[in-house]
Amino acid sequence: YHVEGVTPEPKEKGRDMLVEGFQTYVYDDAEEQRILDTWQNLWP
């Protein structure tokens, strides 16, 4: 993975590390809660 402004390749090349036609996924508060809500209690 690449982290903008942090990991080596994007620090050198920026968003040139993205392919043409890349897709975007927005991770906001609601999406974070949605993920956390999928983590069920699996204790017997």
ModelCIF file with pLDDT and N, C-alpha, C, O atoms, coordinates in Angstrom:
data_MODEL
#
_entry.id   MODEL 
#
_entity.id                         1 
_entity.type                       polymer 
_entity.pdbx_number_of_molecules   1 
#
_entity_poly.entity_id                      1 
_entity_poly.type                           'polypeptide(L)' 
_entity_poly.nstd_linkage                   no 
_entity_poly.nstd_monomer                   no 
_entity_poly.pdbx_seq_one_letter_code       YHVEGVTPEPKEKGRDMLVEGFQTYVYDDAEEQRILDTWQNLWP 
_entity_poly.pdbx_seq_one_letter_code_can   YHVEGVTPEPKEKGRDMLVEGFQTYVYDDAEEQRILDTWQNLWP 
_entity_poly.pdbx_strand_id                 A 
#
loop_
_entity_poly_seq.entity_id 
_entity_poly_seq.num 
_entity_poly_seq.mon_id 
_entity_poly_seq.hetero 
1 1  TYR n 
1 2  HIS n 
1 3  VAL n 
1 4  GLU n 
1 5  GLY n 
1 6  VAL n 
1 7  THR n 
1 8  PRO n 
1 9  GLU n 
1 10 PRO n 
1 11 LYS n 
1 12 GLU n 
1 13 LYS n 
1 14 GLY n 
1 15 ARG n 
1 16 ASP n 
1 17 MET n 
1 18 LEU n 
1 19 VAL n 
1 20 GLU n 
1 21 GLY n 
1 22 PHE n 
1 23 GLN n 
1 24 THR n 
1 25 TYR n 
1 26 VAL n 
1 27 TYR n 
1 28 ASP n 
1 29 ASP n 
1 30 ALA n 
1 31 GLU n 
1 32 GLU n 
1 33 GLN n 
1 34 ARG n 
1 35 ILE n 
1 36 LEU n 
1 37 ASP n 
1 38 THR n 
1 39 TRP n 
1 40 GLN n 
1 41 ASN n 
1 42 LEU n 
1 43 TRP n 
1 44 PRO n 
#
_struct_asym.id          A 
_struct_asym.entity_id   1 
#
loop_
_ma_qa_metric.id 
_ma_qa_metric.mode 
_ma_qa_metric.name 
_ma_qa_metric.software_group_id 
_ma_qa_metric.type 
1 global pLDDT . pLDDT 
2 local  pLDDT . pLDDT 
#
_ma_qa_metric_global.metric_id      1 
_ma_qa_metric_global.metric_value   97.09 
_ma_qa_metric_global.model_id       1 
_ma_qa_metric_global.ordinal_id     1 
#
loop_
_ma_qa_metric_local.label_asym_id 
_ma_qa_metric_local.label_comp_id 
_ma_qa_metric_local.label_seq_id 
_ma_qa_metric_local.metric_id 
_ma_qa_metric_local.metric_value 
_ma_qa_metric_local.model_id 
_ma_qa_metric_local.ordinal_id 
A TYR 1  2 98.00 1 1  
A HIS 2  2 98.00 1 2  
A VAL 3  2 98.00 1 3  
A GLU 4  2 98.00 1 4  
A GLY 5  2 97.00 1 5  
A VAL 6  2 98.00 1 6  
A THR 7  2 98.00 1 7  
A PRO 8  2 97.00 1 8  
A GLU 9  2 98.00 1 9  
A PRO 10 2 97.00 1 10 
A LYS 11 2 97.00 1 11 
A GLU 12 2 96.00 1 12 
A LYS 13 2 97.00 1 13 
A GLY 14 2 97.00 1 14 
A ARG 15 2 98.00 1 15 
A ASP 16 2 97.00 1 16 
A MET 17 2 98.00 1 17 
A LEU 18 2 98.00 1 18 
A VAL 19 2 97.00 1 19 
A GLU 20 2 97.00 1 20 
A GLY 21 2 96.00 1 21 
A PHE 22 2 97.00 1 22 
A GLN 23 2 97.00 1 23 
A THR 24 2 97.00 1 24 
A TYR 25 2 97.00 1 25 
A VAL 26 2 98.00 1 26 
A TYR 27 2 98.00 1 27 
A ASP 28 2 98.00 1 28 
A ASP 29 2 98.00 1 29 
A ALA 30 2 98.00 1 30 
A GLU 31 2 97.00 1 31 
A GLU 32 2 98.00 1 32 
A GLN 33 2 97.00 1 33 
A ARG 34 2 97.00 1 34 
A ILE 35 2 97.00 1 35 
A LEU 36 2 97.00 1 36 
A ASP 37 2 96.00 1 37 
A THR 38 2 96.00 1 38 
A TRP 39 2 96.00 1 39 
A GLN 40 2 93.00 1 40 
A ASN 41 2 97.00 1 41 
A LEU 42 2 96.00 1 42 
A TRP 43 2 97.00 1 43 
A PRO 44 2 95.00 1 44 
#
loop_
_atom_site.group_PDB 
_atom_site.id 
_atom_site.type_symbol 
_atom_site.label_atom_id 
_atom_site.label_alt_id 
_atom_site.label_comp_id 
_atom_site.label_asym_id 
_atom_site.label_entity_id 
_atom_site.label_seq_id 
_atom_site.pdbx_PDB_ins_code 
_atom_site.Cartn_x 
_atom_site.Cartn_y 
_atom_site.Cartn_z 
_atom_site.occupancy 
_atom_site.B_iso_or_equiv 
_atom_site.pdbx_formal_charge 
_atom_site.auth_seq_id 
_atom_site.auth_comp_id 
_atom_site.auth_asym_id 
_atom_site.auth_atom_id 
_atom_site.pdbx_PDB_model_num 
ATOM 1   N N  . TYR A 1 1  ? 0.862   -1.181  0.000   1.00 98.00 ? 1  TYR A N  1 
ATOM 2   C CA . TYR A 1 1  ? 0.000   0.000   0.000   1.00 98.00 ? 1  TYR A CA 1 
ATOM 3   C C  . TYR A 1 1  ? 0.897   1.231   0.000   1.00 98.00 ? 1  TYR A C  1 
ATOM 4   O O  . TYR A 1 1  ? 2.083   1.141   0.319   1.00 98.00 ? 1  TYR A O  1 
ATOM 5   N N  . HIS A 1 2  ? 0.342   2.354   -0.351  1.00 98.00 ? 2  HIS A N  1 
ATOM 6   C CA . HIS A 1 2  ? 1.078   3.615   -0.333  1.00 98.00 ? 2  HIS A CA 1 
ATOM 7   C C  . HIS A 1 2  ? 0.317   4.613   0.525   1.00 98.00 ? 2  HIS A C  1 
ATOM 8   O O  . HIS A 1 2  ? -0.909  4.701   0.446   1.00 98.00 ? 2  HIS A O  1 
ATOM 9   N N  . VAL A 1 3  ? 1.043   5.364   1.344   1.00 98.00 ? 3  VAL A N  1 
ATOM 10  C CA . VAL A 1 3  ? 0.430   6.397   2.179   1.00 98.00 ? 3  VAL A CA 1 
ATOM 11  C C  . VAL A 1 3  ? 0.979   7.753   1.741   1.00 98.00 ? 3  VAL A C  1 
ATOM 12  O O  . VAL A 1 3  ? 2.182   8.006   1.805   1.00 98.00 ? 3  VAL A O  1 
ATOM 13  N N  . GLU A 1 4  ? 0.085   8.600   1.303   1.00 98.00 ? 4  GLU A N  1 
ATOM 14  C CA . GLU A 1 4  ? 0.487   9.891   0.752   1.00 98.00 ? 4  GLU A CA 1 
ATOM 15  C C  . GLU A 1 4  ? 1.292   10.705  1.766   1.00 98.00 ? 4  GLU A C  1 
ATOM 16  O O  . GLU A 1 4  ? 0.864   10.922  2.899   1.00 98.00 ? 4  GLU A O  1 
ATOM 17  N N  . GLY A 1 5  ? 2.484   11.154  1.318   1.00 97.00 ? 5  GLY A N  1 
ATOM 18  C CA . GLY A 1 5  ? 3.330   11.992  2.147   1.00 97.00 ? 5  GLY A CA 1 
ATOM 19  C C  . GLY A 1 5  ? 4.103   11.259  3.215   1.00 97.00 ? 5  GLY A C  1 
ATOM 20  O O  . GLY A 1 5  ? 4.808   11.886  4.005   1.00 97.00 ? 5  GLY A O  1 
ATOM 21  N N  . VAL A 1 6  ? 3.985   9.913   3.261   1.00 98.00 ? 6  VAL A N  1 
ATOM 22  C CA . VAL A 1 6  ? 4.594   9.160   4.360   1.00 98.00 ? 6  VAL A CA 1 
ATOM 23  C C  . VAL A 1 6  ? 5.529   8.054   3.867   1.00 98.00 ? 6  VAL A C  1 
ATOM 24  O O  . VAL A 1 6  ? 6.705   8.034   4.229   1.00 98.00 ? 6  VAL A O  1 
ATOM 25  N N  . THR A 1 7  ? 5.024   7.148   3.055   1.00 98.00 ? 7  THR A N  1 
ATOM 26  C CA . THR A 1 7  ? 5.830   5.995   2.640   1.00 98.00 ? 7  THR A CA 1 
ATOM 27  C C  . THR A 1 7  ? 6.694   6.352   1.423   1.00 98.00 ? 7  THR A C  1 
ATOM 28  O O  . THR A 1 7  ? 6.411   7.339   0.744   1.00 98.00 ? 7  THR A O  1 
ATOM 29  N N  . PRO A 1 8  ? 7.742   5.568   1.136   1.00 97.00 ? 8  PRO A N  1 
ATOM 30  C CA . PRO A 1 8  ? 8.785   6.004   0.196   1.00 97.00 ? 8  PRO A CA 1 
ATOM 31  C C  . PRO A 1 8  ? 8.324   6.371   -1.209  1.00 97.00 ? 8  PRO A C  1 
ATOM 32  O O  . PRO A 1 8  ? 8.671   7.444   -1.704  1.00 97.00 ? 8  PRO A O  1 
ATOM 33  N N  . GLU A 1 9  ? 7.557   5.514   -1.856  1.00 98.00 ? 9  GLU A N  1 
ATOM 34  C CA . GLU A 1 9  ? 7.241   5.755   -3.270  1.00 98.00 ? 9  GLU A CA 1 
ATOM 35  C C  . GLU A 1 9  ? 6.337   6.959   -3.510  1.00 98.00 ? 9  GLU A C  1 
ATOM 36  O O  . GLU A 1 9  ? 6.607   7.740   -4.422  1.00 98.00 ? 9  GLU A O  1 
ATOM 37  N N  . PRO A 1 10 ? 5.269   7.140   -2.724  1.00 97.00 ? 10 PRO A N  1 
ATOM 38  C CA . PRO A 1 10 ? 4.473   8.351   -2.935  1.00 97.00 ? 10 PRO A CA 1 
ATOM 39  C C  . PRO A 1 10 ? 5.202   9.625   -2.505  1.00 97.00 ? 10 PRO A C  1 
ATOM 40  O O  . PRO A 1 10 ? 4.904   10.707  -3.010  1.00 97.00 ? 10 PRO A O  1 
ATOM 41  N N  . LYS A 1 11 ? 6.148   9.506   -1.581  1.00 97.00 ? 11 LYS A N  1 
ATOM 42  C CA . LYS A 1 11 ? 6.928   10.699  -1.222  1.00 97.00 ? 11 LYS A CA 1 
ATOM 43  C C  . LYS A 1 11 ? 7.767   11.161  -2.411  1.00 97.00 ? 11 LYS A C  1 
ATOM 44  O O  . LYS A 1 11 ? 8.046   12.350  -2.564  1.00 97.00 ? 11 LYS A O  1 
ATOM 45  N N  . GLU A 1 12 ? 8.161   10.212  -3.243  1.00 96.00 ? 12 GLU A N  1 
ATOM 46  C CA . GLU A 1 12 ? 8.966   10.534  -4.415  1.00 96.00 ? 12 GLU A CA 1 
ATOM 47  C C  . GLU A 1 12 ? 8.106   10.877  -5.630  1.00 96.00 ? 12 GLU A C  1 
ATOM 48  O O  . GLU A 1 12 ? 8.415   11.811  -6.370  1.00 96.00 ? 12 GLU A O  1 
ATOM 49  N N  . LYS A 1 13 ? 7.028   10.122  -5.834  1.00 97.00 ? 13 LYS A N  1 
ATOM 50  C CA . LYS A 1 13 ? 6.259   10.241  -7.067  1.00 97.00 ? 13 LYS A CA 1 
ATOM 51  C C  . LYS A 1 13 ? 4.851   10.789  -6.879  1.00 97.00 ? 13 LYS A C  1 
ATOM 52  O O  . LYS A 1 13 ? 4.161   11.059  -7.862  1.00 97.00 ? 13 LYS A O  1 
ATOM 53  N N  . GLY A 1 14 ? 4.413   10.957  -5.640  1.00 97.00 ? 14 GLY A N  1 
ATOM 54  C CA . GLY A 1 14 ? 3.082   11.490  -5.380  1.00 97.00 ? 14 GLY A CA 1 
ATOM 55  C C  . GLY A 1 14 ? 1.986   10.648  -6.006  1.00 97.00 ? 14 GLY A C  1 
ATOM 56  O O  . GLY A 1 14 ? 2.051   9.419   -5.987  1.00 97.00 ? 14 GLY A O  1 
ATOM 57  N N  . ARG A 1 15 ? 0.980   11.307  -6.559  1.00 98.00 ? 15 ARG A N  1 
ATOM 58  C CA . ARG A 1 15 ? -0.165  10.582  -7.110  1.00 98.00 ? 15 ARG A CA 1 
ATOM 59  C C  . ARG A 1 15 ? 0.098   9.996   -8.491  1.00 98.00 ? 15 ARG A C  1 
ATOM 60  O O  . ARG A 1 15 ? -0.802  9.444   -9.123  1.00 98.00 ? 15 ARG A O  1 
ATOM 61  N N  . ASP A 1 16 ? 1.336   10.122  -8.953  1.00 97.00 ? 16 ASP A N  1 
ATOM 62  C CA . ASP A 1 16 ? 1.728   9.369   -10.148 1.00 97.00 ? 16 ASP A CA 1 
ATOM 63  C C  . ASP A 1 16 ? 1.747   7.875   -9.858  1.00 97.00 ? 16 ASP A C  1 
ATOM 64  O O  . ASP A 1 16 ? 1.822   7.062   -10.779 1.00 97.00 ? 16 ASP A O  1 
ATOM 65  N N  . MET A 1 17 ? 1.678   7.509   -8.574  1.00 98.00 ? 17 MET A N  1 
ATOM 66  C CA . MET A 1 17 ? 1.610   6.097   -8.199  1.00 98.00 ? 17 MET A CA 1 
ATOM 67  C C  . MET A 1 17 ? 0.222   5.513   -8.437  1.00 98.00 ? 17 MET A C  1 
ATOM 68  O O  . MET A 1 17 ? 0.018   4.311   -8.272  1.00 98.00 ? 17 MET A O  1 
ATOM 69  N N  . LEU A 1 18 ? -0.719  6.345   -8.819  1.00 98.00 ? 18 LEU A N  1 
ATOM 70  C CA . LEU A 1 18 ? -2.065  5.859   -9.152  1.00 98.00 ? 18 LEU A CA 1 
ATOM 71  C C  . LEU A 1 18 ? -2.161  5.559   -10.646 1.00 98.00 ? 18 LEU A C  1 
ATOM 72  O O  . LEU A 1 18 ? -1.635  6.304   -11.473 1.00 98.00 ? 18 LEU A O  1 
ATOM 73  N N  . VAL A 1 19 ? -2.836  4.467   -10.982 1.00 97.00 ? 19 VAL A N  1 
ATOM 74  C CA . VAL A 1 19 ? -3.037  4.127   -12.391 1.00 97.00 ? 19 VAL A CA 1 
ATOM 75  C C  . VAL A 1 19 ? -4.101  5.049   -12.977 1.00 97.00 ? 19 VAL A C  1 
ATOM 76  O O  . VAL A 1 19 ? -4.877  5.677   -12.257 1.00 97.00 ? 19 VAL A O  1 
ATOM 77  N N  . GLU A 1 20 ? -4.111  5.108   -14.284 1.00 97.00 ? 20 GLU A N  1 
ATOM 78  C CA . GLU A 1 20 ? -5.191  5.839   -14.948 1.00 97.00 ? 20 GLU A CA 1 
ATOM 79  C C  . GLU A 1 20 ? -6.513  5.139   -14.665 1.00 97.00 ? 20 GLU A C  1 
ATOM 80  O O  . GLU A 1 20 ? -6.592  3.911   -14.675 1.00 97.00 ? 20 GLU A O  1 
ATOM 81  N N  . GLY A 1 21 ? -7.536  5.923   -14.416 1.00 96.00 ? 21 GLY A N  1 
ATOM 82  C CA . GLY A 1 21 ? -8.851  5.335   -14.182 1.00 96.00 ? 21 GLY A CA 1 
ATOM 83  C C  . GLY A 1 21 ? -8.996  4.691   -12.821 1.00 96.00 ? 21 GLY A C  1 
ATOM 84  O O  . GLY A 1 21 ? -9.839  3.810   -12.651 1.00 96.00 ? 21 GLY A O  1 
ATOM 85  N N  . PHE A 1 22 ? -8.200  5.103   -11.844 1.00 97.00 ? 22 PHE A N  1 
ATOM 86  C CA . PHE A 1 22 ? -8.288  4.527   -10.504 1.00 97.00 ? 22 PHE A CA 1 
ATOM 87  C C  . PHE A 1 22 ? -9.677  4.762   -9.908  1.00 97.00 ? 22 PHE A C  1 
ATOM 88  O O  . PHE A 1 22 ? -10.392 5.686   -10.295 1.00 97.00 ? 22 PHE A O  1 
ATOM 89  N N  . GLN A 1 23 ? -10.035 3.903   -8.958  1.00 97.00 ? 23 GLN A N  1 
ATOM 90  C CA . GLN A 1 23 ? -11.309 4.040   -8.263  1.00 97.00 ? 23 GLN A CA 1 
ATOM 91  C C  . GLN A 1 23 ? -11.079 4.725   -6.916  1.00 97.00 ? 23 GLN A C  1 
ATOM 92  O O  . GLN A 1 23 ? -9.981  4.653   -6.363  1.00 97.00 ? 23 GLN A O  1 
ATOM 93  N N  . THR A 1 24 ? -12.093 5.377   -6.394  1.00 97.00 ? 24 THR A N  1 
ATOM 94  C CA . THR A 1 24 ? -11.996 6.076   -5.122  1.00 97.00 ? 24 THR A CA 1 
ATOM 95  C C  . THR A 1 24 ? -12.939 5.451   -4.100  1.00 97.00 ? 24 THR A C  1 
ATOM 96  O O  . THR A 1 24 ? -14.094 5.149   -4.399  1.00 97.00 ? 24 THR A O  1 
ATOM 97  N N  . TYR A 1 25 ? -12.424 5.267   -2.898  1.00 97.00 ? 25 TYR A N  1 
ATOM 98  C CA . TYR A 1 25 ? -13.215 4.735   -1.789  1.00 97.00 ? 25 TYR A CA 1 
ATOM 99  C C  . TYR A 1 25 ? -13.098 5.723   -0.633  1.00 97.00 ? 25 TYR A C  1 
ATOM 100 O O  . TYR A 1 25 ? -12.002 5.953   -0.122  1.00 97.00 ? 25 TYR A O  1 
ATOM 101 N N  . VAL A 1 26 ? -14.210 6.300   -0.222  1.00 98.00 ? 26 VAL A N  1 
ATOM 102 C CA . VAL A 1 26 ? -14.217 7.284   0.858   1.00 98.00 ? 26 VAL A CA 1 
ATOM 103 C C  . VAL A 1 26 ? -14.448 6.572   2.188   1.00 98.00 ? 26 VAL A C  1 
ATOM 104 O O  . VAL A 1 26 ? -15.416 5.833   2.369   1.00 98.00 ? 26 VAL A O  1 
ATOM 105 N N  . TYR A 1 27 ? -13.518 6.824   3.110   1.00 98.00 ? 27 TYR A N  1 
ATOM 106 C CA . TYR A 1 27 ? -13.610 6.237   4.450   1.00 98.00 ? 27 TYR A CA 1 
ATOM 107 C C  . TYR A 1 27 ? -13.854 7.373   5.434   1.00 98.00 ? 27 TYR A C  1 
ATOM 108 O O  . TYR A 1 27 ? -12.943 8.135   5.758   1.00 98.00 ? 27 TYR A O  1 
ATOM 109 N N  . ASP A 1 28 ? -15.093 7.477   5.905   1.00 98.00 ? 28 ASP A N  1 
ATOM 110 C CA . ASP A 1 28 ? -15.450 8.530   6.839   1.00 98.00 ? 28 ASP A CA 1 
ATOM 111 C C  . ASP A 1 28 ? -15.950 7.910   8.142   1.00 98.00 ? 28 ASP A C  1 
ATOM 112 O O  . ASP A 1 28 ? -15.844 6.699   8.334   1.00 98.00 ? 28 ASP A O  1 
ATOM 113 N N  . ASP A 1 29 ? -16.490 8.730   9.031   1.00 98.00 ? 29 ASP A N  1 
ATOM 114 C CA . ASP A 1 29 ? -16.950 8.229   10.329  1.00 98.00 ? 29 ASP A CA 1 
ATOM 115 C C  . ASP A 1 29 ? -18.019 7.151   10.170  1.00 98.00 ? 29 ASP A C  1 
ATOM 116 O O  . ASP A 1 29 ? -18.002 6.137   10.868  1.00 98.00 ? 29 ASP A O  1 
ATOM 117 N N  . ALA A 1 30 ? -18.940 7.381   9.251   1.00 98.00 ? 30 ALA A N  1 
ATOM 118 C CA . ALA A 1 30 ? -20.023 6.417   9.051   1.00 98.00 ? 30 ALA A CA 1 
ATOM 119 C C  . ALA A 1 30 ? -19.493 5.092   8.527   1.00 98.00 ? 30 ALA A C  1 
ATOM 120 O O  . ALA A 1 30 ? -19.951 4.026   8.936   1.00 98.00 ? 30 ALA A O  1 
ATOM 121 N N  . GLU A 1 31 ? -18.522 5.163   7.618   1.00 97.00 ? 31 GLU A N  1 
ATOM 122 C CA . GLU A 1 31 ? -17.954 3.933   7.066   1.00 97.00 ? 31 GLU A CA 1 
ATOM 123 C C  . GLU A 1 31 ? -17.151 3.188   8.133   1.00 97.00 ? 31 GLU A C  1 
ATOM 124 O O  . GLU A 1 31 ? -17.185 1.959   8.190   1.00 97.00 ? 31 GLU A O  1 
ATOM 125 N N  . GLU A 1 32 ? -16.439 3.918   8.967   1.00 98.00 ? 32 GLU A N  1 
ATOM 126 C CA . GLU A 1 32 ? -15.706 3.267   10.053  1.00 98.00 ? 32 GLU A CA 1 
ATOM 127 C C  . GLU A 1 32 ? -16.657 2.532   10.993  1.00 98.00 ? 32 GLU A C  1 
ATOM 128 O O  . GLU A 1 32 ? -16.395 1.398   11.395  1.00 98.00 ? 32 GLU A O  1 
ATOM 129 N N  . GLN A 1 33 ? -17.746 3.178   11.332  1.00 97.00 ? 33 GLN A N  1 
ATOM 130 C CA . GLN A 1 33 ? -18.703 2.527   12.225  1.00 97.00 ? 33 GLN A CA 1 
ATOM 131 C C  . GLN A 1 33 ? -19.328 1.309   11.553  1.00 97.00 ? 33 GLN A C  1 
ATOM 132 O O  . GLN A 1 33 ? -19.576 0.294   12.205  1.00 97.00 ? 33 GLN A O  1 
ATOM 133 N N  . ARG A 1 34 ? -19.581 1.409   10.254  1.00 97.00 ? 34 ARG A N  1 
ATOM 134 C CA . ARG A 1 34 ? -20.149 0.265   9.538   1.00 97.00 ? 34 ARG A CA 1 
ATOM 135 C C  . ARG A 1 34 ? -19.218 -0.936  9.621   1.00 97.00 ? 34 ARG A C  1 
ATOM 136 O O  . ARG A 1 34 ? -19.674 -2.061  9.825   1.00 97.00 ? 34 ARG A O  1 
ATOM 137 N N  . ILE A 1 35 ? -17.913 -0.707  9.465   1.00 97.00 ? 35 ILE A N  1 
ATOM 138 C CA . ILE A 1 35 ? -16.941 -1.795  9.557   1.00 97.00 ? 35 ILE A CA 1 
ATOM 139 C C  . ILE A 1 35 ? -16.925 -2.372  10.964  1.00 97.00 ? 35 ILE A C  1 
ATOM 140 O O  . ILE A 1 35 ? -16.972 -3.590  11.139  1.00 97.00 ? 35 ILE A O  1 
ATOM 141 N N  . LEU A 1 36 ? -16.860 -1.503  11.967  1.00 97.00 ? 36 LEU A N  1 
ATOM 142 C CA . LEU A 1 36 ? -16.819 -1.983  13.352  1.00 97.00 ? 36 LEU A CA 1 
ATOM 143 C C  . LEU A 1 36 ? -18.066 -2.788  13.703  1.00 97.00 ? 36 LEU A C  1 
ATOM 144 O O  . LEU A 1 36 ? -17.997 -3.743  14.478  1.00 97.00 ? 36 LEU A O  1 
ATOM 145 N N  . ASP A 1 37 ? -19.189 -2.406  13.140  1.00 96.00 ? 37 ASP A N  1 
ATOM 146 C CA . ASP A 1 37 ? -20.442 -3.116  13.421  1.00 96.00 ? 37 ASP A CA 1 
ATOM 147 C C  . ASP A 1 37 ? -20.467 -4.522  12.826  1.00 96.00 ? 37 ASP A C  1 
ATOM 148 O O  . ASP A 1 37 ? -21.264 -5.358  13.252  1.00 96.00 ? 37 ASP A O  1 
ATOM 149 N N  . THR A 1 38 ? -19.608 -4.789  11.853  1.00 96.00 ? 38 THR A N  1 
ATOM 150 C CA . THR A 1 38 ? -19.570 -6.141  11.272  1.00 96.00 ? 38 THR A CA 1 
ATOM 151 C C  . THR A 1 38 ? -18.744 -7.100  12.120  1.00 96.00 ? 38 THR A C  1 
ATOM 152 O O  . THR A 1 38 ? -18.767 -8.309  11.890  1.00 96.00 ? 38 THR A O  1 
ATOM 153 N N  . TRP A 1 39 ? -18.015 -6.570  13.099  1.00 96.00 ? 39 TRP A N  1 
ATOM 154 C CA . TRP A 1 39 ? -17.162 -7.427  13.930  1.00 96.00 ? 39 TRP A CA 1 
ATOM 155 C C  . TRP A 1 39 ? -17.987 -8.001  15.073  1.00 96.00 ? 39 TRP A C  1 
ATOM 156 O O  . TRP A 1 39 ? -18.086 -7.412  16.149  1.00 96.00 ? 39 TRP A O  1 
ATOM 157 N N  . GLN A 1 40 ? -18.560 -9.131  14.820  1.00 93.00 ? 40 GLN A N  1 
ATOM 158 C CA . GLN A 1 40 ? -19.509 -9.746  15.737  1.00 93.00 ? 40 GLN A CA 1 
ATOM 159 C C  . GLN A 1 40 ? -18.809 -10.362 16.948  1.00 93.00 ? 40 GLN A C  1 
ATOM 160 O O  . GLN A 1 40 ? -17.612 -10.650 16.924  1.00 93.00 ? 40 GLN A O  1 
ATOM 161 N N  . ASN A 1 41 ? -19.585 -10.551 17.989  1.00 97.00 ? 41 ASN A N  1 
ATOM 162 C CA . ASN A 1 41 ? -19.139 -11.288 19.171  1.00 97.00 ? 41 ASN A CA 1 
ATOM 163 C C  . ASN A 1 41 ? -19.233 -12.774 18.852  1.00 97.00 ? 41 ASN A C  1 
ATOM 164 O O  . ASN A 1 41 ? -20.332 -13.313 18.728  1.00 97.00 ? 41 ASN A O  1 
ATOM 165 N N  . LEU A 1 42 ? -18.096 -13.434 18.719  1.00 96.00 ? 42 LEU A N  1 
ATOM 166 C CA . LEU A 1 42 ? -18.067 -14.846 18.338  1.00 96.00 ? 42 LEU A CA 1 
ATOM 167 C C  . LEU A 1 42 ? -17.781 -15.775 19.513  1.00 96.00 ? 42 LEU A C  1 
ATOM 168 O O  . LEU A 1 42 ? -17.543 -16.967 19.315  1.00 96.00 ? 42 LEU A O  1 
ATOM 169 N N  . TRP A 1 43 ? -17.803 -15.246 20.723  1.00 97.00 ? 43 TRP A N  1 
ATOM 170 C CA . TRP A 1 43 ? -17.632 -16.119 21.880  1.00 97.00 ? 43 TRP A CA 1 
ATOM 171 C C  . TRP A 1 43 ? -18.815 -17.084 21.959  1.00 97.00 ? 43 TRP A C  1 
ATOM 172 O O  . TRP A 1 43 ? -19.955 -16.666 21.760  1.00 97.00 ? 43 TRP A O  1 
ATOM 173 N N  . PRO A 1 44 ? -18.571 -18.357 22.243  1.00 95.00 ? 44 PRO A N  1 
ATOM 174 C CA . PRO A 1 44 ? -19.692 -19.288 22.441  1.00 95.00 ? 44 PRO A CA 1 
ATOM 175 C C  . PRO A 1 44 ? -20.630 -18.823 23.549  1.00 95.00 ? 44 PRO A C  1 
ATOM 176 O O  . PRO A 1 44 ? -21.621 -19.492 23.841  1.00 95.00 ? 44 PRO A O  1 
#
